[in-house]
Amino acid sequence: MDIYLDGGEVAIVKAIGLGGTVATGEMILDRAKNLDIYEAMDVLKGLMLIGYVISDRDSFRDNDDFREAEFHLNSGYTKALRNAIDPDSEPKRPKRIRRE
């Protein structure tokens, strides 16, 4: 499965982390310095709609709701998201196969 992310989406996925950890909205804003709160909210809503990100809240209407919400990546998409962020991270298979 190929996933293509834009710059804001990459920043959010990196801010949440690929290791299965939970990040609050406050932590995401601290880690993704190039995004303001409204852009981060918009990008996260899109990632949640697609199913890449899971949150403890269905919606967040204001800054306080967003900062207190908890987010984590959907474990079913972790490998595909990792490859979308860094396509060279996938281990290369040898071209030759040794036969016995």
PDB file of N, CA and C in Angstrom:
ATOM      1  N   MET A   1       0.839  -1.162   0.000  1.00  0.00           N
ATOM      2  CA  MET A   1       0.000   0.000   0.000  1.00  0.00           C
ATOM      3  C   MET A   1       0.894   1.238   0.000  1.00  0.00           C
ATOM      4  N   ASP A   2       0.637   2.121  -0.941  1.00  0.00           N
ATOM      5  CA  ASP A   2       1.397   3.360  -1.016  1.00  0.00           C
ATOM      6  C   ASP A   2       0.569   4.499  -0.447  1.00  0.00           C
ATOM      7  N   ILE A   3       1.168   5.234   0.476  1.00  0.00           N
ATOM      8  CA  ILE A   3       0.542   6.407   1.076  1.00  0.00           C
ATOM      9  C   ILE A   3       1.388   7.609   0.711  1.00  0.00           C
ATOM     10  N   TYR A   4       0.736   8.683   0.295  1.00  0.00           N
ATOM     11  CA  TYR A   4       1.425   9.917  -0.046  1.00  0.00           C
ATOM     12  C   TYR A   4       0.954  11.010   0.899  1.00  0.00           C
ATOM     13  N   LEU A   5       1.904  11.643   1.570  1.00  0.00           N
ATOM     14  CA  LEU A   5       1.609  12.680   2.553  1.00  0.00           C
ATOM     15  C   LEU A   5       2.192  14.005   2.115  1.00  0.00           C
ATOM     16  N   ASP A   6       1.487  15.105   2.428  1.00  0.00           N
ATOM     17  CA  ASP A   6       2.043  16.422   2.160  1.00  0.00           C
ATOM     18  C   ASP A   6       2.876  16.868   3.367  1.00  0.00           C
ATOM     19  N   GLY A   7       3.418  18.058   3.311  1.00  0.00           N
ATOM     20  CA  GLY A   7       4.336  18.525   4.353  1.00  0.00           C
ATOM     21  C   GLY A   7       3.719  18.599   5.734  1.00  0.00           C
ATOM     22  N   GLY A   8       2.497  19.123   5.828  1.00  0.00           N
ATOM     23  CA  GLY A   8       1.831  19.218   7.122  1.00  0.00           C
ATOM     24  C   GLY A   8       1.526  17.854   7.709  1.00  0.00           C
ATOM     25  N   GLU A   9       1.122  16.930   6.855  1.00  0.00           N
ATOM     26  CA  GLU A   9       0.820  15.579   7.317  1.00  0.00           C
ATOM     27  C   GLU A   9       2.073  14.867   7.806  1.00  0.00           C
ATOM     28  N   VAL A  10       3.178  15.059   7.105  1.00  0.00           N
ATOM     29  CA  VAL A  10       4.448  14.468   7.541  1.00  0.00           C
ATOM     30  C   VAL A  10       4.845  15.021   8.906  1.00  0.00           C
ATOM     31  N   ALA A  11       4.703  16.339   9.083  1.00  0.00           N
ATOM     32  CA  ALA A  11       5.062  16.959  10.360  1.00  0.00           C
ATOM     33  C   ALA A  11       4.214  16.408  11.501  1.00  0.00           C
ATOM     34  N   ILE A  12       2.927  16.214  11.263  1.00  0.00           N
ATOM     35  CA  ILE A  12       2.037  15.694  12.296  1.00  0.00           C
ATOM     36  C   ILE A  12       2.375  14.244  12.624  1.00  0.00           C
ATOM     37  N   VAL A  13       2.584  13.418  11.607  1.00  0.00           N
ATOM     38  CA  VAL A  13       2.906  12.005  11.848  1.00  0.00           C
ATOM     39  C   VAL A  13       4.219  11.887  12.616  1.00  0.00           C
ATOM     40  N   LYS A  14       5.219  12.680  12.248  1.00  0.00           N
ATOM     41  CA  LYS A  14       6.489  12.662  12.989  1.00  0.00           C
ATOM     42  C   LYS A  14       6.297  13.142  14.424  1.00  0.00           C
ATOM     43  N   ALA A  15       5.436  14.155  14.619  1.00  0.00           N
ATOM     44  CA  ALA A  15       5.203  14.694  15.962  1.00  0.00           C
ATOM     45  C   ALA A  15       4.504  13.670  16.853  1.00  0.00           C
ATOM     46  N   ILE A  16       3.597  12.896  16.286  1.00  0.00           N
ATOM     47  CA  ILE A  16       2.928  11.853  17.068  1.00  0.00           C
ATOM     48  C   ILE A  16       3.908  10.727  17.362  1.00  0.00           C
ATOM     49  N   GLY A  17       4.698  10.352  16.374  1.00  0.00           N
ATOM     50  CA  GLY A  17       5.683   9.292  16.545  1.00  0.00           C
ATOM     51  C   GLY A  17       5.181   7.974  15.990  1.00  0.00           C
ATOM     52  N   LEU A  18       6.091   7.230  15.406  1.00  0.00           N
ATOM     53  CA  LEU A  18       5.743   5.960  14.769  1.00  0.00           C
ATOM     54  C   LEU A  18       5.835   4.765  15.714  1.00  0.00           C
ATOM     55  N   GLY A  19       6.198   5.003  16.958  1.00  0.00           N
ATOM     56  CA  GLY A  19       6.414   3.906  17.894  1.00  0.00           C
ATOM     57  C   GLY A  19       5.185   3.464  18.665  1.00  0.00           C
ATOM     58  N   GLY A  20       4.005   3.959  18.315  1.00  0.00           N
ATOM     59  CA  GLY A  20       2.794   3.559  19.010  1.00  0.00           C
ATOM     60  C   GLY A  20       2.513   4.340  20.275  1.00  0.00           C
ATOM     61  N   THR A  21       3.214   5.435  20.456  1.00  0.00           N
ATOM     62  CA  THR A  21       3.008   6.242  21.655  1.00  0.00           C
ATOM     63  C   THR A  21       1.810   7.168  21.482  1.00  0.00           C
ATOM     64  N   VAL A  22       1.306   7.657  22.590  1.00  0.00           N
ATOM     65  CA  VAL A  22       0.197   8.609  22.589  1.00  0.00           C
ATOM     66  C   VAL A  22       0.775  10.004  22.754  1.00  0.00           C
ATOM     67  N   ALA A  23       0.266  10.939  21.951  1.00  0.00           N
ATOM     68  CA  ALA A  23       0.711  12.330  22.037  1.00  0.00           C
ATOM     69  C   ALA A  23      -0.509  13.224  22.214  1.00  0.00           C
ATOM     70  N   THR A  24      -0.410  14.171  23.105  1.00  0.00           N
ATOM     71  CA  THR A  24      -1.493  15.138  23.271  1.00  0.00           C
ATOM     72  C   THR A  24      -1.348  16.224  22.210  1.00  0.00           C
ATOM     73  N   GLY A  25      -2.401  16.999  22.040  1.00  0.00           N
ATOM     74  CA  GLY A  25      -2.343  18.113  21.100  1.00  0.00           C
ATOM     75  C   GLY A  25      -1.252  19.104  21.469  1.00  0.00           C
ATOM     76  N   GLU A  26      -1.063  19.307  22.763  1.00  0.00           N
ATOM     77  CA  GLU A  26      -0.003  20.209  23.243  1.00  0.00           C
ATOM     78  C   GLU A  26       1.375  19.698  22.819  1.00  0.00           C
ATOM     79  N   MET A  27       1.590  18.395  22.954  1.00  0.00           N
ATOM     80  CA  MET A  27       2.872  17.805  22.561  1.00  0.00           C
ATOM     81  C   MET A  27       3.089  17.933  21.058  1.00  0.00           C
ATOM     82  N   ILE A  28       2.042  17.737  20.284  1.00  0.00           N
ATOM     83  CA  ILE A  28       2.155  17.847  18.821  1.00  0.00           C
ATOM     84  C   ILE A  28       2.543  19.265  18.430  1.00  0.00           C
ATOM     85  N   LEU A  29       1.922  20.261  19.054  1.00  0.00           N
ATOM     86  CA  LEU A  29       2.264  21.652  18.749  1.00  0.00           C
ATOM     87  C   LEU A  29       3.695  21.977  19.136  1.00  0.00           C
ATOM     88  N   ASP A  30       4.180  21.408  20.238  1.00  0.00           N
ATOM     89  CA  ASP A  30       5.566  21.631  20.650  1.00  0.00           C
ATOM     90  C   ASP A  30       6.553  21.005  19.672  1.00  0.00           C
ATOM     91  N   ARG A  31       6.206  19.840  19.128  1.00  0.00           N
ATOM     92  CA  ARG A  31       7.119  19.121  18.236  1.00  0.00           C
ATOM     93  C   ARG A  31       7.048  19.621  16.795  1.00  0.00           C
ATOM     94  N   ALA A  32       5.889  20.059  16.347  1.00  0.00           N
ATOM     95  CA  ALA A  32       5.713  20.555  14.975  1.00  0.00           C
ATOM     96  C   ALA A  32       5.681  22.074  15.017  1.00  0.00           C
ATOM     97  N   LYS A  33       6.828  22.659  15.160  1.00  0.00           N
ATOM     98  CA  LYS A  33       6.947  24.110  15.346  1.00  0.00           C
ATOM     99  C   LYS A  33       6.466  24.908  14.135  1.00  0.00           C
ATOM    100  N   ASN A  34       6.545  24.325  12.937  1.00  0.00           N
ATOM    101  CA  ASN A  34       6.194  25.070  11.734  1.00  0.00           C
ATOM    102  C   ASN A  34       4.681  25.154  11.495  1.00  0.00           C
ATOM    103  N   LEU A  35       3.872  24.476  12.308  1.00  0.00           N
ATOM    104  CA  LEU A  35       2.418  24.499  12.151  1.00  0.00           C
ATOM    105  C   LEU A  35       1.776  25.322  13.256  1.00  0.00           C
ATOM    106  N   ASP A  36       0.816  26.176  12.880  1.00  0.00           N
ATOM    107  CA  ASP A  36       0.056  26.846  13.924  1.00  0.00           C
ATOM    108  C   ASP A  36      -1.084  25.925  14.360  1.00  0.00           C
ATOM    109  N   ILE A  37      -1.781  26.299  15.401  1.00  0.00           N
ATOM    110  CA  ILE A  37      -2.768  25.400  15.995  1.00  0.00           C
ATOM    111  C   ILE A  37      -3.907  25.083  15.025  1.00  0.00           C
ATOM    112  N   TYR A  38      -4.334  26.062  14.236  1.00  0.00           N
ATOM    113  CA  TYR A  38      -5.465  25.831  13.338  1.00  0.00           C
ATOM    114  C   TYR A  38      -5.088  24.927  12.174  1.00  0.00           C
ATOM    115  N   GLU A  39      -3.882  25.072  11.675  1.00  0.00           N
ATOM    116  CA  GLU A  39      -3.410  24.185  10.619  1.00  0.00           C
ATOM    117  C   GLU A  39      -3.241  22.767  11.156  1.00  0.00           C
ATOM    118  N   ALA A  40      -2.709  22.634  12.367  1.00  0.00           N
ATOM    119  CA  ALA A  40      -2.537  21.314  12.979  1.00  0.00           C
ATOM    120  C   ALA A  40      -3.896  20.647  13.201  1.00  0.00           C
ATOM    121  N   MET A  41      -4.886  21.416  13.643  1.00  0.00           N
ATOM    122  CA  MET A  41      -6.223  20.870  13.848  1.00  0.00           C
ATOM    123  C   MET A  41      -6.808  20.384  12.526  1.00  0.00           C
ATOM    124  N   ASP A  42      -6.637  21.155  11.468  1.00  0.00           N
ATOM    125  CA  ASP A  42      -7.168  20.796  10.159  1.00  0.00           C
ATOM    126  C   ASP A  42      -6.505  19.535   9.612  1.00  0.00           C
ATOM    127  N   VAL A  43      -5.180  19.475   9.719  1.00  0.00           N
ATOM    128  CA  VAL A  43      -4.449  18.305   9.225  1.00  0.00           C
ATOM    129  C   VAL A  43      -4.834  17.061  10.015  1.00  0.00           C
ATOM    130  N   LEU A  44      -4.936  17.178  11.328  1.00  0.00           N
ATOM    131  CA  LEU A  44      -5.299  16.023  12.154  1.00  0.00           C
ATOM    132  C   LEU A  44      -6.716  15.543  11.866  1.00  0.00           C
ATOM    133  N   LYS A  45      -7.635  16.464  11.626  1.00  0.00           N
ATOM    134  CA  LYS A  45      -8.998  16.048  11.271  1.00  0.00           C
ATOM    135  C   LYS A  45      -8.986  15.235   9.984  1.00  0.00           C
ATOM    136  N   GLY A  46      -8.173  15.661   9.006  1.00  0.00           N
ATOM    137  CA  GLY A  46      -8.059  14.911   7.760  1.00  0.00           C
ATOM    138  C   GLY A  46      -7.451  13.537   7.961  1.00  0.00           C
ATOM    139  N   LEU A  47      -6.396  13.454   8.759  1.00  0.00           N
ATOM    140  CA  LEU A  47      -5.764  12.161   9.031  1.00  0.00           C
ATOM    141  C   LEU A  47      -6.691  11.233   9.816  1.00  0.00           C
ATOM    142  N   MET A  48      -7.512  11.801  10.688  1.00  0.00           N
ATOM    143  CA  MET A  48      -8.476  11.004  11.433  1.00  0.00           C
ATOM    144  C   MET A  48      -9.590  10.509  10.507  1.00  0.00           C
ATOM    145  N   LEU A  49     -10.009  11.349   9.573  1.00  0.00           N
ATOM    146  CA  LEU A  49     -11.063  10.971   8.635  1.00  0.00           C
ATOM    147  C   LEU A  49     -10.628   9.797   7.758  1.00  0.00           C
ATOM    148  N   ILE A  50      -9.368   9.806   7.339  1.00  0.00           N
ATOM    149  CA  ILE A  50      -8.830   8.719   6.524  1.00  0.00           C
ATOM    150  C   ILE A  50      -8.630   7.457   7.361  1.00  0.00           C
ATOM    151  N   GLY A  51      -8.354   7.627   8.649  1.00  0.00           N
ATOM    152  CA  GLY A  51      -8.153   6.481   9.529  1.00  0.00           C
ATOM    153  C   GLY A  51      -6.712   6.266   9.940  1.00  0.00           C
ATOM    154  N   TYR A  52      -5.807   7.160   9.538  1.00  0.00           N
ATOM    155  CA  TYR A  52      -4.401   7.011   9.888  1.00  0.00           C
ATOM    156  C   TYR A  52      -4.138   7.368  11.347  1.00  0.00           C
ATOM    157  N   VAL A  53      -4.921   8.276  11.907  1.00  0.00           N
ATOM    158  CA  VAL A  53      -4.742   8.733  13.284  1.00  0.00           C
ATOM    159  C   VAL A  53      -6.021   8.445  14.060  1.00  0.00           C
ATOM    160  N   ILE A  54      -5.846   8.003  15.297  1.00  0.00           N
ATOM    161  CA  ILE A  54      -6.962   7.720  16.191  1.00  0.00           C
ATOM    162  C   ILE A  54      -6.856   8.674  17.381  1.00  0.00           C
ATOM    163  N   SER A  55      -8.000   9.197  17.805  1.00  0.00           N
ATOM    164  CA  SER A  55      -8.030  10.136  18.918  1.00  0.00           C
ATOM    165  C   SER A  55      -9.047   9.686  19.953  1.00  0.00           C
ATOM    166  N   ASP A  56      -8.876  10.169  21.182  1.00  0.00           N
ATOM    167  CA  ASP A  56      -9.849   9.869  22.226  1.00  0.00           C
ATOM    168  C   ASP A  56     -11.091  10.750  22.103  1.00  0.00           C
ATOM    169  N   ARG A  57     -11.035  11.739  21.213  1.00  0.00           N
ATOM    170  CA  ARG A  57     -12.173  12.624  20.990  1.00  0.00           C
ATOM    171  C   ARG A  57     -12.552  12.604  19.518  1.00  0.00           C
ATOM    172  N   ASP A  58     -13.840  12.626  19.273  1.00  0.00           N
ATOM    173  CA  ASP A  58     -14.303  12.639  17.885  1.00  0.00           C
ATOM    174  C   ASP A  58     -14.090  13.991  17.228  1.00  0.00           C
ATOM    175  N   SER A  59     -14.194  15.056  18.012  1.00  0.00           N
ATOM    176  CA  SER A  59     -13.990  16.394  17.453  1.00  0.00           C
ATOM    177  C   SER A  59     -13.408  17.294  18.534  1.00  0.00           C
ATOM    178  N   PHE A  60     -12.813  18.355  18.096  1.00  0.00           N
ATOM    179  CA  PHE A  60     -12.276  19.365  19.006  1.00  0.00           C
ATOM    180  C   PHE A  60     -12.616  20.718  18.397  1.00  0.00           C
ATOM    181  N   ARG A  61     -13.361  21.491  19.152  1.00  0.00           N
ATOM    182  CA  ARG A  61     -13.900  22.739  18.613  1.00  0.00           C
ATOM    183  C   ARG A  61     -13.052  23.958  18.948  1.00  0.00           C
ATOM    184  N   ASP A  62     -12.328  23.901  20.026  1.00  0.00           N
ATOM    185  CA  ASP A  62     -11.522  25.063  20.395  1.00  0.00           C
ATOM    186  C   ASP A  62     -10.110  24.622  20.782  1.00  0.00           C
ATOM    187  N   ASN A  63      -9.288  25.596  21.074  1.00  0.00           N
ATOM    188  CA  ASN A  63      -7.876  25.333  21.383  1.00  0.00           C
ATOM    189  C   ASN A  63      -7.707  24.410  22.581  1.00  0.00           C
ATOM    190  N   ASP A  64      -8.504  24.612  23.620  1.00  0.00           N
ATOM    191  CA  ASP A  64      -8.363  23.797  24.829  1.00  0.00           C
ATOM    192  C   ASP A  64      -8.717  22.336  24.567  1.00  0.00           C
ATOM    193  N   ASP A  65      -9.789  22.103  23.803  1.00  0.00           N
ATOM    194  CA  ASP A  65     -10.147  20.724  23.448  1.00  0.00           C
ATOM    195  C   ASP A  65      -9.011  20.049  22.686  1.00  0.00           C
ATOM    196  N   PHE A  66      -8.436  20.780  21.744  1.00  0.00           N
ATOM    197  CA  PHE A  66      -7.354  20.212  20.937  1.00  0.00           C
ATOM    198  C   PHE A  66      -6.124  19.915  21.786  1.00  0.00           C
ATOM    199  N   ARG A  67      -5.728  20.841  22.621  1.00  0.00           N
ATOM    200  CA  ARG A  67      -4.517  20.667  23.430  1.00  0.00           C
ATOM    201  C   ARG A  67      -4.641  19.492  24.405  1.00  0.00           C
ATOM    202  N   GLU A  68      -5.854  19.192  24.872  1.00  0.00           N
ATOM    203  CA  GLU A  68      -6.065  18.108  25.832  1.00  0.00           C
ATOM    204  C   GLU A  68      -6.327  16.754  25.170  1.00  0.00           C
ATOM    205  N   ALA A  69      -6.657  16.758  23.882  1.00  0.00           N
ATOM    206  CA  ALA A  69      -6.963  15.513  23.177  1.00  0.00           C
ATOM    207  C   ALA A  69      -5.706  14.653  23.045  1.00  0.00           C
ATOM    208  N   GLU A  70      -5.896  13.341  23.015  1.00  0.00           N
ATOM    209  CA  GLU A  70      -4.783  12.396  22.849  1.00  0.00           C
ATOM    210  C   GLU A  70      -4.891  11.729  21.489  1.00  0.00           C
ATOM    211  N   PHE A  71      -3.746  11.593  20.820  1.00  0.00           N
ATOM    212  CA  PHE A  71      -3.693  11.043  19.472  1.00  0.00           C
ATOM    213  C   PHE A  71      -2.649   9.937  19.405  1.00  0.00           C
ATOM    214  N   HIS A  72      -2.908   8.943  18.562  1.00  0.00           N
ATOM    215  CA  HIS A  72      -1.897   7.940  18.240  1.00  0.00           C
ATOM    216  C   HIS A  72      -2.170   7.429  16.833  1.00  0.00           C
ATOM    217  N   LEU A  73      -1.143   6.870  16.217  1.00  0.00           N
ATOM    218  CA  LEU A  73      -1.271   6.358  14.861  1.00  0.00           C
ATOM    219  C   LEU A  73      -1.968   5.007  14.878  1.00  0.00           C
ATOM    220  N   ASN A  74      -2.774   4.768  13.865  1.00  0.00           N
ATOM    221  CA  ASN A  74      -3.426   3.478  13.684  1.00  0.00           C
ATOM    222  C   ASN A  74      -2.341   2.456  13.376  1.00  0.00           C
ATOM    223  N   SER A  75      -2.227   1.431  14.196  1.00  0.00           N
ATOM    224  CA  SER A  75      -1.131   0.469  14.049  1.00  0.00           C
ATOM    225  C   SER A  75      -1.187  -0.281  12.725  1.00  0.00           C
ATOM    226  N   GLY A  76      -2.337  -0.355  12.100  1.00  0.00           N
ATOM    227  CA  GLY A  76      -2.449  -1.017  10.808  1.00  0.00           C
ATOM    228  C   GLY A  76      -1.766  -0.260   9.677  1.00  0.00           C
ATOM    229  N   TYR A  77      -1.532   1.031   9.879  1.00  0.00           N
ATOM    230  CA  TYR A  77      -0.906   1.855   8.844  1.00  0.00           C
ATOM    231  C   TYR A  77       0.522   2.266   9.183  1.00  0.00           C
ATOM    232  N   THR A  78       1.053   1.815  10.300  1.00  0.00           N
ATOM    233  CA  THR A  78       2.360   2.294  10.755  1.00  0.00           C
ATOM    234  C   THR A  78       3.461   2.034   9.737  1.00  0.00           C
ATOM    235  N   LYS A  79       3.527   0.844   9.192  1.00  0.00           N
ATOM    236  CA  LYS A  79       4.584   0.519   8.233  1.00  0.00           C
ATOM    237  C   LYS A  79       4.444   1.365   6.964  1.00  0.00           C
ATOM    238  N   ALA A  80       3.232   1.522   6.467  1.00  0.00           N
ATOM    239  CA  ALA A  80       3.007   2.320   5.270  1.00  0.00           C
ATOM    240  C   ALA A  80       3.320   3.796   5.525  1.00  0.00           C
ATOM    241  N   LEU A  81       2.986   4.297   6.708  1.00  0.00           N
ATOM    242  CA  LEU A  81       3.305   5.689   7.048  1.00  0.00           C
ATOM    243  C   LEU A  81       4.809   5.891   7.170  1.00  0.00           C
ATOM    244  N   ARG A  82       5.496   4.912   7.745  1.00  0.00           N
ATOM    245  CA  ARG A  82       6.956   4.992   7.855  1.00  0.00           C
ATOM    246  C   ARG A  82       7.580   5.073   6.458  1.00  0.00           C
ATOM    247  N   ASN A  83       7.080   4.253   5.524  1.00  0.00           N
ATOM    248  CA  ASN A  83       7.599   4.283   4.154  1.00  0.00           C
ATOM    249  C   ASN A  83       7.234   5.573   3.439  1.00  0.00           C
ATOM    250  N   ALA A  84       6.081   6.163   3.763  1.00  0.00           N
ATOM    251  CA  ALA A  84       5.693   7.428   3.143  1.00  0.00           C
ATOM    252  C   ALA A  84       6.590   8.566   3.601  1.00  0.00           C
ATOM    253  N   ILE A  85       7.011   8.518   4.860  1.00  0.00           N
ATOM    254  CA  ILE A  85       7.890   9.564   5.389  1.00  0.00           C
ATOM    255  C   ILE A  85       9.307   9.404   4.863  1.00  0.00           C
ATOM    256  N   ASP A  86       9.802   8.175   4.844  1.00  0.00           N
ATOM    257  CA  ASP A  86      11.171   7.903   4.403  1.00  0.00           C
ATOM    258  C   ASP A  86      11.165   6.663   3.511  1.00  0.00           C
ATOM    259  N   PRO A  87      10.994   6.848   2.194  1.00  0.00           N
ATOM    260  CA  PRO A  87      10.907   5.688   1.301  1.00  0.00           C
ATOM    261  C   PRO A  87      12.165   4.818   1.290  1.00  0.00           C
ATOM    262  N   ASP A  88      13.291   5.372   1.658  1.00  0.00           N
ATOM    263  CA  ASP A  88      14.534   4.605   1.655  1.00  0.00           C
ATOM    264  C   ASP A  88      14.702   3.765   2.911  1.00  0.00           C
ATOM    265  N   SER A  89      13.769   3.854   3.862  1.00  0.00           N
ATOM    266  CA  SER A  89      13.918   3.112   5.114  1.00  0.00           C
ATOM    267  C   SER A  89      13.602   1.624   4.943  1.00  0.00           C
ATOM    268  N   GLU A  90      12.910   1.277   3.866  1.00  0.00           N
ATOM    269  CA  GLU A  90      12.596  -0.129   3.636  1.00  0.00           C
ATOM    270  C   GLU A  90      13.868  -0.873   3.274  1.00  0.00           C
ATOM    271  N   PRO A  91      14.148  -1.981   3.942  1.00  0.00           N
ATOM    272  CA  PRO A  91      15.395  -2.696   3.652  1.00  0.00           C
ATOM    273  C   PRO A  91      15.412  -3.201   2.213  1.00  0.00           C
ATOM    274  N   LYS A  92      16.571  -3.077   1.604  1.00  0.00           N
ATOM    275  CA  LYS A  92      16.747  -3.526   0.226  1.00  0.00           C
ATOM    276  C   LYS A  92      16.928  -5.037   0.199  1.00  0.00           C
ATOM    277  N   ARG A  93      16.270  -5.664  -0.729  1.00  0.00           N
ATOM    278  CA  ARG A  93      16.431  -7.107  -0.896  1.00  0.00           C
ATOM    279  C   ARG A  93      17.580  -7.351  -1.860  1.00  0.00           C
ATOM    280  N   PRO A  94      18.343  -8.366  -1.595  1.00  0.00           N
ATOM    281  CA  PRO A  94      19.430  -8.664  -2.531  1.00  0.00           C
ATOM    282  C   PRO A  94      18.863  -9.097  -3.880  1.00  0.00           C
ATOM    283  N   LYS A  95      19.543  -8.685  -4.948  1.00  0.00           N
ATOM    284  CA  LYS A  95      19.084  -9.031  -6.292  1.00  0.00           C
ATOM    285  C   LYS A  95      19.336 -10.493  -6.597  1.00  0.00           C
ATOM    286  N   ARG A  96      20.384 -11.021  -6.036  1.00  0.00           N
ATOM    287  CA  ARG A  96      20.722 -12.422  -6.266  1.00  0.00           C
ATOM    288  C   ARG A  96      20.248 -13.261  -5.092  1.00  0.00           C
ATOM    289  N   ILE A  97      19.722 -14.396  -5.408  1.00  0.00           N
ATOM    290  CA  ILE A  97      19.280 -15.325  -4.375  1.00  0.00           C
ATOM    291  C   ILE A  97      20.142 -16.566  -4.446  1.00  0.00           C
ATOM    292  N   ARG A  98      20.678 -16.932  -3.333  1.00  0.00           N
ATOM    293  CA  ARG A  98      21.561 -18.108  -3.294  1.00  0.00           C
ATOM    294  C   ARG A  98      20.697 -19.376  -3.291  1.00  0.00           C
ATOM    295  N   ARG A  99      21.000 -20.253  -4.170  1.00  0.00           N
ATOM    296  CA  ARG A  99      20.270 -21.526  -4.246  1.00  0.00           C
ATOM    297  C   ARG A  99      21.195 -22.647  -3.819  1.00  0.00           C
ATOM    298  N   GLU A 100      20.623 -23.572  -3.162  1.00  0.00           N
ATOM    299  CA  GLU A 100      21.431 -24.701  -2.685  1.00  0.00           C
ATOM    300  C   GLU A 100      21.028 -25.968  -3.343  1.00  0.00           C
TER     301      GLU A 100
END
